[in-house]
Amino acid sequence: MKKYLFLIIVFIMVLSGCSDDTTKEAKVEPKKEVKVDDVEKHEDKPKGKDDKKKVDATPITIREDKGDYSVDIEGDITFKENTLYVTGTTNLLPGSKLYFYIDSMSGTIIGGTDTTLVKEDGSFQLESKLPDGYDDPIIYTKIVFNSAASNEEITQHYKEDGDPLEGPFVRLYEENDDIGKEIVVITDVEIKEGTVAKIQPPNWKKPDDYGATTVWIEAEIEEDDEFVYVTGRSNLLEGAFVSGRLQMEGYITSGFQDSKNVNPDGTFNLTITNPNKKIKNLKGYDLKLSFSPTDGNNFIYISKTYGENGEKLLGNLVNEDNGEKSVEYILNVKY
């Protein structure tokens, strides 16, 4: 009996040993080849670091002349798909508000205005879509900065009337019988797909007798099939209002006219419909340019300089009618 009991115990021990070896072999896994890339992917990182994206941080370049009163503006105006795109840079303070206006050669365009604020690096962008069917060869564009239209910080720096402003882009404006300064950038853009017009500072050249009461006016004319282009010069003060009209002998006509306030050096440009479009076999015409201090489109100081009724006007171009004096210049064009 003892012998059988011993054999049973030995048999149980052998079975237990086999069972333990089988379990140990089941837990052993083959070695896995680990690559360096896998280690980098699975290594522990500080919490949150792997959630951040890489940012291409390009430093903002700040202009050294930022905020100078002598204002500089550079850039391009591109005509593409019936839209004008302005890309430029300026030393006006960041946050300065710019307006963009467009006007046609043959009439007034309603709408088409855009506004933007100068960015921290001095850059700005503007755009305006032309009306469908616009067929004039040129579009007139104007970028305007008026310090009173910007925020309080900008207005304090440049003053509400813009008096500290300097440089070739400075123009006078009138509001409530007060004269102020603003920045005006005028660029004519050819209406041709892909045209790029450079923003250029005007080169004003005041005549030696600029502002004298002995007034002179001169003009030259160029034509194409659509328009008569008048390039005028004078010694009139900026803000004087000059009108141009075409007169044809033997015809009573209207609409052949244009008018402008003269530039800071007395120059002006007028665009008038070519009368040959409507009058056949035209032999010529007269261009009559006139300036009257009584015209309400003059800046307020014009009448103080030349007299409320033009009584201070002198020179061989002066014409007097019913006690009022005006200046008239006539250029005869013959075909």
C-alpha atoms as a PDB file:
ATOM      1  CA  MET A   1       0.000   0.000   0.000  1.00  0.00           C
ATOM      2  CA  LYS A   2       2.824   2.359   0.878  1.00  0.00           C
ATOM      3  CA  LYS A   3       4.469   1.470  -2.410  1.00  0.00           C
ATOM      4  CA  TYR A   4       1.423   2.455  -4.436  1.00  0.00           C
ATOM      5  CA  LEU A   5       1.051   5.697  -2.483  1.00  0.00           C
ATOM      6  CA  PHE A   6       4.649   6.649  -3.247  1.00  0.00           C
ATOM      7  CA  LEU A   7       4.171   5.991  -6.953  1.00  0.00           C
ATOM      8  CA  ILE A   8       1.048   8.132  -7.060  1.00  0.00           C
ATOM      9  CA  ILE A   9       2.883  11.049  -5.373  1.00  0.00           C
ATOM     10  CA  VAL A  10       5.799  10.761  -7.830  1.00  0.00           C
ATOM     11  CA  PHE A  11       3.378  10.691 -10.772  1.00  0.00           C
ATOM     12  CA  ILE A  12       1.598  13.850  -9.538  1.00  0.00           C
ATOM     13  CA  MET A  13       4.937  15.695  -9.133  1.00  0.00           C
ATOM     14  CA  VAL A  14       5.953  14.796 -12.680  1.00  0.00           C
ATOM     15  CA  LEU A  15       2.656  16.115 -14.042  1.00  0.00           C
ATOM     16  CA  SER A  16       3.045  19.348 -12.063  1.00  0.00           C
ATOM     17  CA  GLY A  17       6.517  19.849 -13.479  1.00  0.00           C
ATOM     18  CA  CYS A  18       5.314  19.388 -17.043  1.00  0.00           C
ATOM     19  CA  SER A  19       2.480  21.848 -16.457  1.00  0.00           C
ATOM     20  CA  ASP A  20       4.893  24.533 -15.141  1.00  0.00           C
ATOM     21  CA  ASP A  21       7.236  24.159 -18.140  1.00  0.00           C
ATOM     22  CA  THR A  22       4.333  24.522 -20.575  1.00  0.00           C
ATOM     23  CA  THR A  23       3.116  27.691 -18.871  1.00  0.00           C
ATOM     24  CA  LYS A  24       6.599  29.287 -18.946  1.00  0.00           C
ATOM     25  CA  GLU A  25       7.044  28.508 -22.635  1.00  0.00           C
ATOM     26  CA  ALA A  26       3.668  30.169 -23.437  1.00  0.00           C
ATOM     27  CA  LYS A  27       4.767  33.409 -21.781  1.00  0.00           C
ATOM     28  CA  VAL A  28       7.988  33.715 -23.778  1.00  0.00           C
ATOM     29  CA  GLU A  29       7.604  35.937 -26.831  1.00  0.00           C
ATOM     30  CA  PRO A  30      10.061  36.225 -29.691  1.00  0.00           C
ATOM     31  CA  LYS A  31      12.319  39.267 -29.563  1.00  0.00           C
ATOM     32  CA  LYS A  32      11.156  42.162 -31.644  1.00  0.00           C
ATOM     33  CA  GLU A  33      13.641  44.135 -33.717  1.00  0.00           C
ATOM     34  CA  VAL A  34      13.304  47.753 -32.744  1.00  0.00           C
ATOM     35  CA  LYS A  35      14.379  50.550 -35.107  1.00  0.00           C
ATOM     36  CA  VAL A  36      15.717  53.932 -34.075  1.00  0.00           C
ATOM     37  CA  ASP A  37      12.710  55.634 -35.721  1.00  0.00           C
ATOM     38  CA  ASP A  38      10.347  53.593 -33.560  1.00  0.00           C
ATOM     39  CA  VAL A  39      12.178  54.672 -30.423  1.00  0.00           C
ATOM     40  CA  GLU A  40      11.896  58.320 -31.400  1.00  0.00           C
ATOM     41  CA  LYS A  41       8.192  57.970 -32.042  1.00  0.00           C
ATOM     42  CA  HIS A  42       7.429  56.342 -28.723  1.00  0.00           C
ATOM     43  CA  GLU A  43       9.828  58.109 -26.387  1.00  0.00           C
ATOM     44  CA  ASP A  44       8.234  60.016 -23.553  1.00  0.00           C
ATOM     45  CA  LYS A  45       7.883  63.771 -24.141  1.00  0.00           C
ATOM     46  CA  PRO A  46       6.894  66.570 -21.788  1.00  0.00           C
ATOM     47  CA  LYS A  47       3.137  66.868 -21.585  1.00  0.00           C
ATOM     48  CA  GLY A  48       1.642  69.023 -24.299  1.00  0.00           C
ATOM     49  CA  LYS A  49       4.816  69.459 -26.360  1.00  0.00           C
ATOM     50  CA  ASP A  50       3.791  67.022 -29.088  1.00  0.00           C
ATOM     51  CA  ASP A  51       0.478  68.877 -29.561  1.00  0.00           C
ATOM     52  CA  LYS A  52       2.122  72.087 -30.768  1.00  0.00           C
ATOM     53  CA  LYS A  53       2.536  72.762 -34.471  1.00  0.00           C
ATOM     54  CA  LYS A  54       5.648  74.249 -35.951  1.00  0.00           C
ATOM     55  CA  VAL A  55       5.159  77.939 -36.867  1.00  0.00           C
ATOM     56  CA  ASP A  56       7.149  79.700 -39.568  1.00  0.00           C
ATOM     57  CA  ALA A  57       7.601  82.925 -37.634  1.00  0.00           C
ATOM     58  CA  THR A  58       8.770  85.668 -39.992  1.00  0.00           C
ATOM     59  CA  PRO A  59       9.742  88.764 -38.002  1.00  0.00           C
ATOM     60  CA  ILE A  60       7.815  91.946 -38.779  1.00  0.00           C
ATOM     61  CA  THR A  61      10.037  94.649 -40.236  1.00  0.00           C
ATOM     62  CA  ILE A  62       9.275  98.035 -38.723  1.00  0.00           C
ATOM     63  CA  ARG A  63      10.132 101.065 -40.832  1.00  0.00           C
ATOM     64  CA  GLU A  64      12.640 103.400 -39.229  1.00  0.00           C
ATOM     65  CA  ASP A  65      10.711 106.397 -40.582  1.00  0.00           C
ATOM     66  CA  LYS A  66       7.373 105.210 -39.174  1.00  0.00           C
ATOM     67  CA  GLY A  67       5.255 108.192 -38.165  1.00  0.00           C
ATOM     68  CA  ASP A  68       7.417 110.827 -39.879  1.00  0.00           C
ATOM     69  CA  TYR A  69       5.404 113.843 -40.967  1.00  0.00           C
ATOM     70  CA  SER A  70       6.998 113.672 -44.418  1.00  0.00           C
ATOM     71  CA  VAL A  71       4.760 110.924 -45.787  1.00  0.00           C
ATOM     72  CA  ASP A  72       6.034 108.292 -48.195  1.00  0.00           C
ATOM     73  CA  ILE A  73       3.821 105.850 -50.089  1.00  0.00           C
ATOM     74  CA  GLU A  74       4.961 103.203 -52.568  1.00  0.00           C
ATOM     75  CA  GLY A  75       3.219 100.371 -54.357  1.00  0.00           C
ATOM     76  CA  ASP A  76       1.479  98.991 -57.421  1.00  0.00           C
ATOM     77  CA  ILE A  77      -2.057  99.039 -58.790  1.00  0.00           C
ATOM     78  CA  THR A  78      -2.896  95.993 -60.891  1.00  0.00           C
ATOM     79  CA  PHE A  79      -5.884  95.657 -63.218  1.00  0.00           C
ATOM     80  CA  LYS A  80      -7.044  92.053 -63.418  1.00  0.00           C
ATOM     81  CA  GLU A  81     -10.438  90.507 -64.162  1.00  0.00           C
ATOM     82  CA  ASN A  82     -12.197  93.891 -64.083  1.00  0.00           C
ATOM     83  CA  THR A  83     -10.826  94.656 -60.613  1.00  0.00           C
ATOM     84  CA  LEU A  84      -8.140  97.037 -59.347  1.00  0.00           C
ATOM     85  CA  TYR A  85      -5.787  95.588 -56.721  1.00  0.00           C
ATOM     86  CA  VAL A  86      -3.562  97.923 -54.689  1.00  0.00           C
ATOM     87  CA  THR A  87      -0.527  96.586 -52.820  1.00  0.00           C
ATOM     88  CA  GLY A  88       1.613  99.159 -51.082  1.00  0.00           C
ATOM     89  CA  THR A  89       3.694 100.288 -48.145  1.00  0.00           C
ATOM     90  CA  THR A  90       3.869 103.584 -46.254  1.00  0.00           C
ATOM     91  CA  ASN A  91       5.468 105.238 -43.249  1.00  0.00           C
ATOM     92  CA  LEU A  92       2.088 106.387 -41.960  1.00  0.00           C
ATOM     93  CA  LEU A  93       1.466 105.120 -38.436  1.00  0.00           C
ATOM     94  CA  PRO A  94      -0.031 101.623 -38.153  1.00  0.00           C
ATOM     95  CA  GLY A  95      -3.789 101.968 -37.840  1.00  0.00           C
ATOM     96  CA  SER A  96      -3.971 104.945 -40.206  1.00  0.00           C
ATOM     97  CA  LYS A  97      -7.144 104.653 -42.295  1.00  0.00           C
ATOM     98  CA  LEU A  98      -6.829 104.746 -46.080  1.00  0.00           C
ATOM     99  CA  TYR A  99      -9.648 105.303 -48.575  1.00  0.00           C
ATOM    100  CA  PHE A 100      -9.611 104.139 -52.185  1.00  0.00           C
ATOM    101  CA  TYR A 101     -11.732 105.916 -54.825  1.00  0.00           C
ATOM    102  CA  ILE A 102     -12.143 105.377 -58.554  1.00  0.00           C
ATOM    103  CA  ASP A 103     -13.567 107.677 -61.199  1.00  0.00           C
ATOM    104  CA  SER A 104     -14.093 107.410 -64.942  1.00  0.00           C
ATOM    105  CA  MET A 105     -13.019 109.637 -67.786  1.00  0.00           C
ATOM    106  CA  SER A 106     -16.528 110.282 -69.032  1.00  0.00           C
ATOM    107  CA  GLY A 107     -18.623 110.447 -65.882  1.00  0.00           C
ATOM    108  CA  THR A 108     -18.965 109.646 -62.207  1.00  0.00           C
ATOM    109  CA  ILE A 109     -18.790 106.097 -60.877  1.00  0.00           C
ATOM    110  CA  ILE A 110     -21.183 105.333 -58.038  1.00  0.00           C
ATOM    111  CA  GLY A 111     -19.648 103.028 -55.441  1.00  0.00           C
ATOM    112  CA  GLY A 112     -16.305 101.344 -55.970  1.00  0.00           C
ATOM    113  CA  THR A 113     -14.866 102.656 -52.676  1.00  0.00           C
ATOM    114  CA  ASP A 114     -12.686 100.585 -50.340  1.00  0.00           C
ATOM    115  CA  THR A 115     -11.019 101.260 -46.971  1.00  0.00           C
ATOM    116  CA  THR A 116      -8.235  99.622 -44.982  1.00  0.00           C
ATOM    117  CA  LEU A 117      -5.906 100.232 -42.038  1.00  0.00           C
ATOM    118  CA  VAL A 118      -2.125 100.411 -42.365  1.00  0.00           C
ATOM    119  CA  LYS A 119      -0.552  97.298 -40.835  1.00  0.00           C
ATOM    120  CA  GLU A 120       2.231  97.192 -38.242  1.00  0.00           C
ATOM    121  CA  ASP A 121       4.936  96.867 -40.914  1.00  0.00           C
ATOM    122  CA  GLY A 122       3.470  99.735 -42.967  1.00  0.00           C
ATOM    123  CA  SER A 123       1.896  97.534 -45.643  1.00  0.00           C
ATOM    124  CA  PHE A 124      -1.658  97.890 -46.937  1.00  0.00           C
ATOM    125  CA  GLN A 125      -3.970  96.394 -49.552  1.00  0.00           C
ATOM    126  CA  LEU A 126      -7.026  97.826 -51.287  1.00  0.00           C
ATOM    127  CA  GLU A 127      -9.255  96.761 -54.142  1.00  0.00           C
ATOM    128  CA  SER A 128     -12.204  97.980 -56.171  1.00  0.00           C
ATOM    129  CA  LYS A 129     -14.275  96.321 -58.861  1.00  0.00           C
ATOM    130  CA  LEU A 130     -15.139  98.329 -61.960  1.00  0.00           C
ATOM    131  CA  PRO A 131     -18.757  98.544 -63.115  1.00  0.00           C
ATOM    132  CA  ASP A 132     -19.739  95.993 -65.735  1.00  0.00           C
ATOM    133  CA  GLY A 133     -19.449  97.457 -69.207  1.00  0.00           C
ATOM    134  CA  TYR A 134     -16.847 100.102 -68.302  1.00  0.00           C
ATOM    135  CA  ASP A 135     -15.182 100.844 -71.633  1.00  0.00           C
ATOM    136  CA  ASP A 136     -13.069 103.979 -71.116  1.00  0.00           C
ATOM    137  CA  PRO A 137      -9.359 103.372 -71.807  1.00  0.00           C
ATOM    138  CA  ILE A 138      -8.281 104.858 -68.439  1.00  0.00           C
ATOM    139  CA  ILE A 139      -9.590 104.712 -64.871  1.00  0.00           C
ATOM    140  CA  TYR A 140      -8.675 107.450 -62.385  1.00  0.00           C
ATOM    141  CA  THR A 141      -7.718 106.178 -58.919  1.00  0.00           C
ATOM    142  CA  LYS A 142      -7.179 108.048 -55.678  1.00  0.00           C
ATOM    143  CA  ILE A 143      -5.863 106.879 -52.278  1.00  0.00           C
ATOM    144  CA  VAL A 144      -6.652 109.322 -49.477  1.00  0.00           C
ATOM    145  CA  PHE A 145      -5.489 109.620 -45.873  1.00  0.00           C
ATOM    146  CA  ASN A 146      -7.270 112.193 -43.720  1.00  0.00           C
ATOM    147  CA  SER A 147      -6.067 112.240 -40.118  1.00  0.00           C
ATOM    148  CA  ALA A 148      -9.482 113.279 -38.792  1.00  0.00           C
ATOM    149  CA  ALA A 149     -10.989 110.055 -40.180  1.00  0.00           C
ATOM    150  CA  SER A 150      -8.654 107.745 -38.244  1.00  0.00           C
ATOM    151  CA  ASN A 151      -8.611 106.751 -34.561  1.00  0.00           C
ATOM    152  CA  GLU A 152      -7.785 109.127 -31.722  1.00  0.00           C
ATOM    153  CA  GLU A 153      -4.105 108.158 -31.538  1.00  0.00           C
ATOM    154  CA  ILE A 154      -3.597 108.855 -35.254  1.00  0.00           C
ATOM    155  CA  THR A 155      -5.523 112.127 -35.077  1.00  0.00           C
ATOM    156  CA  GLN A 156      -3.447 113.343 -32.123  1.00  0.00           C
ATOM    157  CA  HIS A 157      -0.205 112.547 -33.946  1.00  0.00           C
ATOM    158  CA  TYR A 158      -1.055 114.210 -37.266  1.00  0.00           C
ATOM    159  CA  LYS A 159      -3.521 116.757 -35.779  1.00  0.00           C
ATOM    160  CA  GLU A 160      -7.141 116.958 -36.841  1.00  0.00           C
ATOM    161  CA  ASP A 161      -6.403 119.332 -39.705  1.00  0.00           C
ATOM    162  CA  GLY A 162      -3.275 117.421 -40.794  1.00  0.00           C
ATOM    163  CA  ASP A 163      -1.146 120.549 -40.434  1.00  0.00           C
ATOM    164  CA  PRO A 164       2.197 118.733 -39.758  1.00  0.00           C
ATOM    165  CA  LEU A 165       1.892 116.635 -42.941  1.00  0.00           C
ATOM    166  CA  GLU A 166       4.642 117.172 -45.497  1.00  0.00           C
ATOM    167  CA  GLY A 167       5.838 115.761 -48.802  1.00  0.00           C
ATOM    168  CA  PRO A 168       4.712 115.555 -52.436  1.00  0.00           C
ATOM    169  CA  PHE A 169       1.477 113.693 -51.644  1.00  0.00           C
ATOM    170  CA  VAL A 170       0.091 116.497 -49.443  1.00  0.00           C
ATOM    171  CA  ARG A 171      -3.004 118.244 -50.809  1.00  0.00           C
ATOM    172  CA  LEU A 172      -5.241 120.915 -49.368  1.00  0.00           C
ATOM    173  CA  TYR A 173      -8.911 120.279 -48.677  1.00  0.00           C
ATOM    174  CA  GLU A 174     -11.752 122.472 -47.471  1.00  0.00           C
ATOM    175  CA  GLU A 175     -14.366 121.587 -44.875  1.00  0.00           C
ATOM    176  CA  ASN A 176     -16.762 123.987 -43.137  1.00  0.00           C
ATOM    177  CA  ASP A 177     -14.792 126.948 -44.485  1.00  0.00           C
ATOM    178  CA  ASP A 178     -11.582 125.592 -42.921  1.00  0.00           C
ATOM    179  CA  ILE A 179      -8.522 124.512 -44.869  1.00  0.00           C
ATOM    180  CA  GLY A 180      -6.688 121.318 -43.899  1.00  0.00           C
ATOM    181  CA  LYS A 181      -4.042 118.969 -45.262  1.00  0.00           C
ATOM    182  CA  GLU A 182      -4.482 115.376 -46.336  1.00  0.00           C
ATOM    183  CA  ILE A 183      -2.508 112.776 -48.253  1.00  0.00           C
ATOM    184  CA  VAL A 184      -3.764 112.134 -51.806  1.00  0.00           C
ATOM    185  CA  VAL A 185      -2.199 109.594 -54.169  1.00  0.00           C
ATOM    186  CA  ILE A 186      -3.521 109.926 -57.726  1.00  0.00           C
ATOM    187  CA  THR A 187      -2.740 107.221 -60.284  1.00  0.00           C
ATOM    188  CA  ASP A 188      -4.207 106.744 -63.762  1.00  0.00           C
ATOM    189  CA  VAL A 189      -4.496 103.068 -64.692  1.00  0.00           C
ATOM    190  CA  GLU A 190      -4.820 101.746 -68.239  1.00  0.00           C
ATOM    191  CA  ILE A 191      -7.763  99.392 -68.651  1.00  0.00           C
ATOM    192  CA  LYS A 192      -5.887  96.453 -70.073  1.00  0.00           C
ATOM    193  CA  GLU A 193      -5.768  92.969 -68.532  1.00  0.00           C
ATOM    194  CA  GLY A 194      -2.604  92.549 -66.447  1.00  0.00           C
ATOM    195  CA  THR A 195      -1.665  96.238 -66.424  1.00  0.00           C
ATOM    196  CA  VAL A 196       0.489  97.237 -63.440  1.00  0.00           C
ATOM    197  CA  ALA A 197       0.707 100.962 -62.632  1.00  0.00           C
ATOM    198  CA  LYS A 198       3.360 102.206 -60.217  1.00  0.00           C
ATOM    199  CA  ILE A 199       2.430 104.632 -57.462  1.00  0.00           C
ATOM    200  CA  GLN A 200       4.641 107.633 -58.143  1.00  0.00           C
ATOM    201  CA  PRO A 201       5.139 110.825 -56.116  1.00  0.00           C
ATOM    202  CA  PRO A 202       4.148 113.909 -58.130  1.00  0.00           C
ATOM    203  CA  ASN A 203       6.882 116.348 -59.057  1.00  0.00           C
ATOM    204  CA  TRP A 204       5.314 119.731 -58.383  1.00  0.00           C
ATOM    205  CA  LYS A 205       7.166 122.693 -59.899  1.00  0.00           C
ATOM    206  CA  LYS A 206       5.729 126.016 -58.808  1.00  0.00           C
ATOM    207  CA  PRO A 207       6.348 128.934 -61.157  1.00  0.00           C
ATOM    208  CA  ASP A 208       8.309 131.873 -59.791  1.00  0.00           C
ATOM    209  CA  ASP A 209       5.197 134.069 -59.752  1.00  0.00           C
ATOM    210  CA  TYR A 210       2.973 131.415 -58.153  1.00  0.00           C
ATOM    211  CA  GLY A 211       0.004 133.092 -56.457  1.00  0.00           C
ATOM    212  CA  ALA A 212       0.502 136.492 -58.136  1.00  0.00           C
ATOM    213  CA  THR A 213      -2.659 138.453 -58.958  1.00  0.00           C
ATOM    214  CA  THR A 214      -1.453 138.971 -62.521  1.00  0.00           C
ATOM    215  CA  VAL A 215      -2.752 135.591 -63.680  1.00  0.00           C
ATOM    216  CA  TRP A 216      -1.599 133.632 -66.700  1.00  0.00           C
ATOM    217  CA  ILE A 217      -2.862 130.334 -68.113  1.00  0.00           C
ATOM    218  CA  GLU A 218      -1.401 128.099 -70.832  1.00  0.00           C
ATOM    219  CA  ALA A 219      -2.569 124.780 -72.283  1.00  0.00           C
ATOM    220  CA  GLU A 220      -1.704 122.026 -74.729  1.00  0.00           C
ATOM    221  CA  ILE A 221      -4.100 119.561 -76.360  1.00  0.00           C
ATOM    222  CA  GLU A 222      -3.838 115.938 -77.442  1.00  0.00           C
ATOM    223  CA  GLU A 223      -6.638 113.921 -79.014  1.00  0.00           C
ATOM    224  CA  ASP A 224      -7.722 110.386 -79.716  1.00  0.00           C
ATOM    225  CA  ASP A 225     -10.988 109.171 -81.228  1.00  0.00           C
ATOM    226  CA  GLU A 226     -12.782 109.439 -77.894  1.00  0.00           C
ATOM    227  CA  PHE A 227     -11.365 112.370 -75.933  1.00  0.00           C
ATOM    228  CA  VAL A 228      -9.582 115.689 -75.965  1.00  0.00           C
ATOM    229  CA  TYR A 229      -6.857 115.776 -73.305  1.00  0.00           C
ATOM    230  CA  VAL A 230      -5.980 119.203 -71.911  1.00  0.00           C
ATOM    231  CA  THR A 231      -2.707 119.712 -70.053  1.00  0.00           C
ATOM    232  CA  GLY A 232      -2.856 123.105 -68.371  1.00  0.00           C
ATOM    233  CA  ARG A 233      -0.412 125.322 -66.511  1.00  0.00           C
ATOM    234  CA  SER A 234      -0.951 128.521 -64.578  1.00  0.00           C
ATOM    235  CA  ASN A 235       0.304 130.563 -61.638  1.00  0.00           C
ATOM    236  CA  LEU A 236      -3.022 130.150 -59.834  1.00  0.00           C
ATOM    237  CA  LEU A 237      -3.033 129.043 -56.208  1.00  0.00           C
ATOM    238  CA  GLU A 238      -3.919 125.466 -55.322  1.00  0.00           C
ATOM    239  CA  GLY A 239      -7.676 125.135 -54.995  1.00  0.00           C
ATOM    240  CA  ALA A 240      -8.539 127.661 -57.716  1.00  0.00           C
ATOM    241  CA  PHE A 241     -11.315 126.207 -59.882  1.00  0.00           C
ATOM    242  CA  VAL A 242     -10.663 126.098 -63.634  1.00  0.00           C
ATOM    243  CA  SER A 243     -13.317 125.187 -66.196  1.00  0.00           C
ATOM    244  CA  GLY A 244     -12.713 124.088 -69.775  1.00  0.00           C
ATOM    245  CA  ARG A 245     -15.301 124.110 -72.563  1.00  0.00           C
ATOM    246  CA  LEU A 246     -15.147 123.345 -76.283  1.00  0.00           C
ATOM    247  CA  GLN A 247     -16.921 125.785 -78.573  1.00  0.00           C
ATOM    248  CA  MET A 248     -17.680 125.036 -82.228  1.00  0.00           C
ATOM    249  CA  GLU A 249     -18.545 127.862 -84.597  1.00  0.00           C
ATOM    250  CA  GLY A 250     -22.058 127.487 -85.946  1.00  0.00           C
ATOM    251  CA  TYR A 251     -23.089 124.904 -83.338  1.00  0.00           C
ATOM    252  CA  ILE A 252     -24.920 125.173 -80.039  1.00  0.00           C
ATOM    253  CA  THR A 253     -23.498 122.356 -77.962  1.00  0.00           C
ATOM    254  CA  SER A 254     -23.366 121.107 -74.389  1.00  0.00           C
ATOM    255  CA  GLY A 255     -21.440 118.377 -72.613  1.00  0.00           C
ATOM    256  CA  PHE A 256     -18.061 119.173 -74.136  1.00  0.00           C
ATOM    257  CA  GLN A 257     -16.573 120.375 -70.853  1.00  0.00           C
ATOM    258  CA  ASP A 258     -14.629 119.473 -67.716  1.00  0.00           C
ATOM    259  CA  SER A 259     -13.401 121.319 -64.614  1.00  0.00           C
ATOM    260  CA  LYS A 260     -10.883 120.849 -61.807  1.00  0.00           C
ATOM    261  CA  ASN A 261      -9.308 122.512 -58.784  1.00  0.00           C
ATOM    262  CA  VAL A 262      -5.711 123.213 -59.762  1.00  0.00           C
ATOM    263  CA  ASN A 263      -2.789 121.277 -58.294  1.00  0.00           C
ATOM    264  CA  PRO A 264      -0.256 122.616 -55.747  1.00  0.00           C
ATOM    265  CA  ASP A 265       1.856 124.069 -58.566  1.00  0.00           C
ATOM    266  CA  GLY A 266      -0.991 125.594 -60.609  1.00  0.00           C
ATOM    267  CA  THR A 267      -1.200 122.735 -63.124  1.00  0.00           C
ATOM    268  CA  PHE A 268      -4.405 120.924 -64.101  1.00  0.00           C
ATOM    269  CA  ASN A 269      -5.595 118.197 -66.461  1.00  0.00           C
ATOM    270  CA  LEU A 270      -8.995 118.076 -68.151  1.00  0.00           C
ATOM    271  CA  THR A 271     -10.587 115.326 -70.233  1.00  0.00           C
ATOM    272  CA  ILE A 272     -13.345 116.353 -72.637  1.00  0.00           C
ATOM    273  CA  THR A 273     -15.357 114.256 -75.086  1.00  0.00           C
ATOM    274  CA  ASN A 274     -14.011 114.668 -78.610  1.00  0.00           C
ATOM    275  CA  PRO A 275     -16.618 116.591 -80.651  1.00  0.00           C
ATOM    276  CA  ASN A 276     -15.671 114.623 -83.767  1.00  0.00           C
ATOM    277  CA  LYS A 277     -17.694 111.727 -82.305  1.00  0.00           C
ATOM    278  CA  LYS A 278     -20.916 113.685 -82.769  1.00  0.00           C
ATOM    279  CA  ILE A 279     -20.195 116.331 -85.404  1.00  0.00           C
ATOM    280  CA  LYS A 280     -19.246 115.212 -88.890  1.00  0.00           C
ATOM    281  CA  ASN A 281     -16.769 117.153 -91.016  1.00  0.00           C
ATOM    282  CA  LEU A 282     -15.789 119.382 -88.080  1.00  0.00           C
ATOM    283  CA  LYS A 283     -13.158 121.895 -89.163  1.00  0.00           C
ATOM    284  CA  GLY A 284     -12.028 122.836 -85.690  1.00  0.00           C
ATOM    285  CA  TYR A 285     -13.039 124.221 -82.296  1.00  0.00           C
ATOM    286  CA  ASP A 286     -11.976 126.621 -79.563  1.00  0.00           C
ATOM    287  CA  LEU A 287     -10.927 125.507 -76.094  1.00  0.00           C
ATOM    288  CA  LYS A 288     -12.023 128.140 -73.591  1.00  0.00           C
ATOM    289  CA  LEU A 289     -10.463 127.967 -70.119  1.00  0.00           C
ATOM    290  CA  SER A 290     -11.829 130.237 -67.414  1.00  0.00           C
ATOM    291  CA  PHE A 291     -11.279 131.093 -63.756  1.00  0.00           C
ATOM    292  CA  SER A 292     -13.614 133.249 -61.654  1.00  0.00           C
ATOM    293  CA  PRO A 293     -13.051 134.029 -57.948  1.00  0.00           C
ATOM    294  CA  THR A 294     -16.860 134.136 -57.538  1.00  0.00           C
ATOM    295  CA  ASP A 295     -17.230 130.430 -58.373  1.00  0.00           C
ATOM    296  CA  GLY A 296     -18.339 128.522 -55.283  1.00  0.00           C
ATOM    297  CA  ASN A 297     -16.038 125.593 -56.128  1.00  0.00           C
ATOM    298  CA  ASN A 298     -12.940 127.645 -55.243  1.00  0.00           C
ATOM    299  CA  PHE A 299     -11.293 127.134 -51.859  1.00  0.00           C
ATOM    300  CA  ILE A 300     -12.286 129.848 -49.413  1.00  0.00           C
ATOM    301  CA  TYR A 301      -8.957 131.675 -49.429  1.00  0.00           C
ATOM    302  CA  ILE A 302      -9.073 132.155 -53.223  1.00  0.00           C
ATOM    303  CA  SER A 303     -11.468 135.104 -53.013  1.00  0.00           C
ATOM    304  CA  LYS A 304      -9.270 136.701 -50.343  1.00  0.00           C
ATOM    305  CA  THR A 305      -6.303 136.544 -52.702  1.00  0.00           C
ATOM    306  CA  TYR A 306      -7.981 137.630 -55.950  1.00  0.00           C
ATOM    307  CA  GLY A 307     -10.927 139.617 -54.550  1.00  0.00           C
ATOM    308  CA  GLU A 308     -14.480 138.516 -53.885  1.00  0.00           C
ATOM    309  CA  ASN A 309     -15.488 139.830 -57.304  1.00  0.00           C
ATOM    310  CA  GLY A 310     -12.070 139.359 -58.880  1.00  0.00           C
ATOM    311  CA  GLU A 311     -11.236 143.023 -58.381  1.00  0.00           C
ATOM    312  CA  LYS A 312      -7.573 142.229 -57.633  1.00  0.00           C
ATOM    313  CA  LEU A 313      -7.065 140.340 -60.907  1.00  0.00           C
ATOM    314  CA  LEU A 314      -4.595 141.827 -63.384  1.00  0.00           C
ATOM    315  CA  GLY A 315      -3.172 140.920 -66.795  1.00  0.00           C
ATOM    316  CA  ASN A 316      -4.244 140.645 -70.426  1.00  0.00           C
ATOM    317  CA  LEU A 317      -6.442 137.581 -69.784  1.00  0.00           C
ATOM    318  CA  VAL A 318      -8.794 139.478 -67.461  1.00  0.00           C
ATOM    319  CA  ASN A 319     -12.369 139.866 -68.639  1.00  0.00           C
ATOM    320  CA  GLU A 320     -14.887 142.117 -66.826  1.00  0.00           C
ATOM    321  CA  ASP A 321     -18.643 141.643 -66.933  1.00  0.00           C
ATOM    322  CA  ASN A 322     -21.217 143.379 -64.715  1.00  0.00           C
ATOM    323  CA  GLY A 323     -18.585 144.441 -62.220  1.00  0.00           C
ATOM    324  CA  GLU A 324     -17.065 140.964 -61.872  1.00  0.00           C
ATOM    325  CA  LYS A 325     -13.630 140.083 -63.198  1.00  0.00           C
ATOM    326  CA  SER A 326     -12.556 136.656 -64.430  1.00  0.00           C
ATOM    327  CA  VAL A 327      -9.689 135.138 -66.382  1.00  0.00           C
ATOM    328  CA  GLU A 328     -10.267 133.661 -69.850  1.00  0.00           C
ATOM    329  CA  TYR A 329      -7.819 131.821 -72.063  1.00  0.00           C
ATOM    330  CA  ILE A 330      -8.772 130.589 -75.569  1.00  0.00           C
ATOM    331  CA  LEU A 331      -6.845 128.057 -77.627  1.00  0.00           C
ATOM    332  CA  ASN A 332      -7.918 127.689 -81.263  1.00  0.00           C
ATOM    333  CA  VAL A 333      -7.712 124.203 -82.826  1.00  0.00           C
ATOM    334  CA  LYS A 334      -7.895 123.843 -86.626  1.00  0.00           C
ATOM    335  CA  TYR A 335      -8.023 120.637 -88.673  1.00  0.00           C
END
